[in-house]
Amino acid sequence: MARVKFLMALSGVATFLGIAVVLGVVGYRVSRSGGSAAIEVTAQLPKGSRIVATGVAGERIVVTVESPAGLEIHAFDAQTLRPAGRLRFATEP
C-alpha cells in the first residue's frame, strides 16, 4: 500500500510540473510577442491599376497588381507593413 501511495504522489508531482511548464511556455510566448498595436498604412498604386491577388508568404504579405505598364508583385513585411520589394513583369518588345 505504501508503494501505491508513493507512485500516486510521484504521478501527481509529474502532472503538476508538466502543467507548470506548459503555462510557463505560454506566458513566455505571450510576453515576447510584444504589443500587437493596430497599424494603418496606405499604399499608392499607379493610376489605372488594380489588385489582382493577395497572399501571405512566410513573414511577407504579397500583393499582385495589374497596371498599364504590366504585372507587378509588391511584397510587404507582415509586422511593420513596410515595403519589402517589388517585382515587375513586362513583355519583350
C-alpha atoms as a PDB file:
ATOM      1  CA  MET A   1       0.000   0.000   0.000  1.00  0.00           C
ATOM      2  CA  ALA A   2       2.873   2.366   0.753  1.00  0.00           C
ATOM      3  CA  ARG A   3       4.326   1.737  -2.692  1.00  0.00           C
ATOM      4  CA  VAL A   4       0.985   2.631  -4.379  1.00  0.00           C
ATOM      5  CA  LYS A   5       0.778   5.862  -2.362  1.00  0.00           C
ATOM      6  CA  PHE A   6       4.332   6.723  -3.371  1.00  0.00           C
ATOM      7  CA  LEU A   7       3.614   6.102  -7.056  1.00  0.00           C
ATOM      8  CA  MET A   8       0.407   8.189  -6.868  1.00  0.00           C
ATOM      9  CA  ALA A   9       2.328  11.067  -5.252  1.00  0.00           C
ATOM     10  CA  LEU A  10       5.038  10.793  -7.902  1.00  0.00           C
ATOM     11  CA  SER A  11       2.415  10.866 -10.649  1.00  0.00           C
ATOM     12  CA  GLY A  12       0.775  13.936  -9.086  1.00  0.00           C
ATOM     13  CA  VAL A  13       4.094  15.780  -8.899  1.00  0.00           C
ATOM     14  CA  ALA A  14       4.900  14.916 -12.531  1.00  0.00           C
ATOM     15  CA  THR A  15       1.463  16.158 -13.636  1.00  0.00           C
ATOM     16  CA  PHE A  16       1.874  19.399 -11.682  1.00  0.00           C
ATOM     17  CA  LEU A  17       5.328  20.011 -13.194  1.00  0.00           C
ATOM     18  CA  GLY A  18       4.010  19.335 -16.719  1.00  0.00           C
ATOM     19  CA  ILE A  19       1.169  21.826 -16.297  1.00  0.00           C
ATOM     20  CA  ALA A  20       3.570  24.404 -14.825  1.00  0.00           C
ATOM     21  CA  VAL A  21       5.935  24.024 -17.810  1.00  0.00           C
ATOM     22  CA  VAL A  22       3.110  24.433 -20.342  1.00  0.00           C
ATOM     23  CA  LEU A  23       1.765  27.538 -18.580  1.00  0.00           C
ATOM     24  CA  GLY A  24       5.295  28.934 -18.356  1.00  0.00           C
ATOM     25  CA  VAL A  25       5.899  28.488 -22.090  1.00  0.00           C
ATOM     26  CA  VAL A  26       2.542  30.074 -22.973  1.00  0.00           C
ATOM     27  CA  GLY A  27       3.247  33.017 -20.661  1.00  0.00           C
ATOM     28  CA  TYR A  28       6.722  33.468 -22.129  1.00  0.00           C
ATOM     29  CA  ARG A  29       5.445  33.493 -25.709  1.00  0.00           C
ATOM     30  CA  VAL A  30       2.669  35.953 -24.878  1.00  0.00           C
ATOM     31  CA  SER A  31       5.112  38.306 -23.157  1.00  0.00           C
ATOM     32  CA  ARG A  32       7.652  38.050 -26.030  1.00  0.00           C
ATOM     33  CA  SER A  33       5.066  38.642 -28.757  1.00  0.00           C
ATOM     34  CA  GLY A  34       5.094  42.351 -27.983  1.00  0.00           C
ATOM     35  CA  GLY A  35       2.164  44.667 -28.281  1.00  0.00           C
ATOM     36  CA  SER A  36       0.177  43.977 -31.379  1.00  0.00           C
ATOM     37  CA  ALA A  37      -0.947  47.540 -31.931  1.00  0.00           C
ATOM     38  CA  ALA A  38      -3.052  48.269 -34.980  1.00  0.00           C
ATOM     39  CA  ILE A  39      -1.042  49.609 -37.903  1.00  0.00           C
ATOM     40  CA  GLU A  40      -2.624  51.595 -40.707  1.00  0.00           C
ATOM     41  CA  VAL A  41      -0.755  52.112 -43.975  1.00  0.00           C
ATOM     42  CA  THR A  42      -1.895  53.449 -47.343  1.00  0.00           C
ATOM     43  CA  ALA A  43      -0.013  52.148 -50.379  1.00  0.00           C
ATOM     44  CA  GLN A  44      -0.144  54.280 -53.525  1.00  0.00           C
ATOM     45  CA  LEU A  45      -0.825  52.384 -56.736  1.00  0.00           C
ATOM     46  CA  PRO A  46      -0.265  53.771 -60.226  1.00  0.00           C
ATOM     47  CA  LYS A  47      -3.326  55.269 -61.913  1.00  0.00           C
ATOM     48  CA  GLY A  48      -5.367  52.685 -63.792  1.00  0.00           C
ATOM     49  CA  SER A  49      -4.011  49.727 -61.837  1.00  0.00           C
ATOM     50  CA  ARG A  50      -5.951  47.139 -59.888  1.00  0.00           C
ATOM     51  CA  ILE A  51      -5.162  44.453 -57.333  1.00  0.00           C
ATOM     52  CA  VAL A  52      -5.428  41.001 -58.864  1.00  0.00           C
ATOM     53  CA  ALA A  53      -4.465  38.782 -55.904  1.00  0.00           C
ATOM     54  CA  THR A  54      -3.111  38.849 -52.371  1.00  0.00           C
ATOM     55  CA  GLY A  55      -1.366  36.227 -50.282  1.00  0.00           C
ATOM     56  CA  VAL A  56       0.969  35.527 -47.404  1.00  0.00           C
ATOM     57  CA  ALA A  57       4.414  34.042 -47.948  1.00  0.00           C
ATOM     58  CA  GLY A  58       6.394  33.440 -44.780  1.00  0.00           C
ATOM     59  CA  GLU A  59       6.654  36.783 -42.999  1.00  0.00           C
ATOM     60  CA  ARG A  60       5.595  38.762 -46.061  1.00  0.00           C
ATOM     61  CA  ILE A  61       2.286  39.956 -47.439  1.00  0.00           C
ATOM     62  CA  VAL A  62       2.304  39.653 -51.230  1.00  0.00           C
ATOM     63  CA  VAL A  63       0.033  41.740 -53.471  1.00  0.00           C
ATOM     64  CA  THR A  64      -0.235  41.174 -57.226  1.00  0.00           C
ATOM     65  CA  VAL A  65      -1.076  44.385 -59.104  1.00  0.00           C
ATOM     66  CA  GLU A  66      -2.088  44.711 -62.755  1.00  0.00           C
ATOM     67  CA  SER A  67      -1.091  48.117 -64.104  1.00  0.00           C
ATOM     68  CA  PRO A  68      -0.965  49.646 -67.596  1.00  0.00           C
ATOM     69  CA  ALA A  69       2.811  49.057 -67.559  1.00  0.00           C
ATOM     70  CA  GLY A  70       2.407  45.325 -66.843  1.00  0.00           C
ATOM     71  CA  LEU A  71       2.059  42.924 -63.953  1.00  0.00           C
ATOM     72  CA  GLU A  72       3.778  43.737 -60.633  1.00  0.00           C
ATOM     73  CA  ILE A  73       4.183  41.861 -57.358  1.00  0.00           C
ATOM     74  CA  HIS A  74       4.584  44.013 -54.254  1.00  0.00           C
ATOM     75  CA  ALA A  75       5.877  42.447 -51.015  1.00  0.00           C
ATOM     76  CA  PHE A  76       5.365  43.979 -47.566  1.00  0.00           C
ATOM     77  CA  ASP A  77       6.735  42.974 -44.167  1.00  0.00           C
ATOM     78  CA  ALA A  78       3.853  41.430 -42.186  1.00  0.00           C
ATOM     79  CA  GLN A  79       4.882  43.001 -38.861  1.00  0.00           C
ATOM     80  CA  THR A  80       5.624  46.593 -39.894  1.00  0.00           C
ATOM     81  CA  LEU A  81       3.830  46.740 -43.287  1.00  0.00           C
ATOM     82  CA  ARG A  82       6.905  48.399 -44.795  1.00  0.00           C
ATOM     83  CA  PRO A  83       7.564  47.659 -48.469  1.00  0.00           C
ATOM     84  CA  ALA A  84       9.958  44.709 -48.756  1.00  0.00           C
ATOM     85  CA  GLY A  85      10.313  44.608 -52.533  1.00  0.00           C
ATOM     86  CA  ARG A  86       8.710  44.877 -55.926  1.00  0.00           C
ATOM     87  CA  LEU A  87       8.904  42.563 -58.922  1.00  0.00           C
ATOM     88  CA  ARG A  88       7.783  43.831 -62.322  1.00  0.00           C
ATOM     89  CA  PHE A  89       6.852  41.678 -65.293  1.00  0.00           C
ATOM     90  CA  ALA A  90       6.876  43.070 -68.828  1.00  0.00           C
ATOM     91  CA  THR A  91       6.606  41.538 -72.255  1.00  0.00           C
ATOM     92  CA  GLU A  92       9.542  41.666 -74.612  1.00  0.00           C
ATOM     93  CA  PRO A  93       9.288  44.135 -77.480  1.00  0.00           C
END
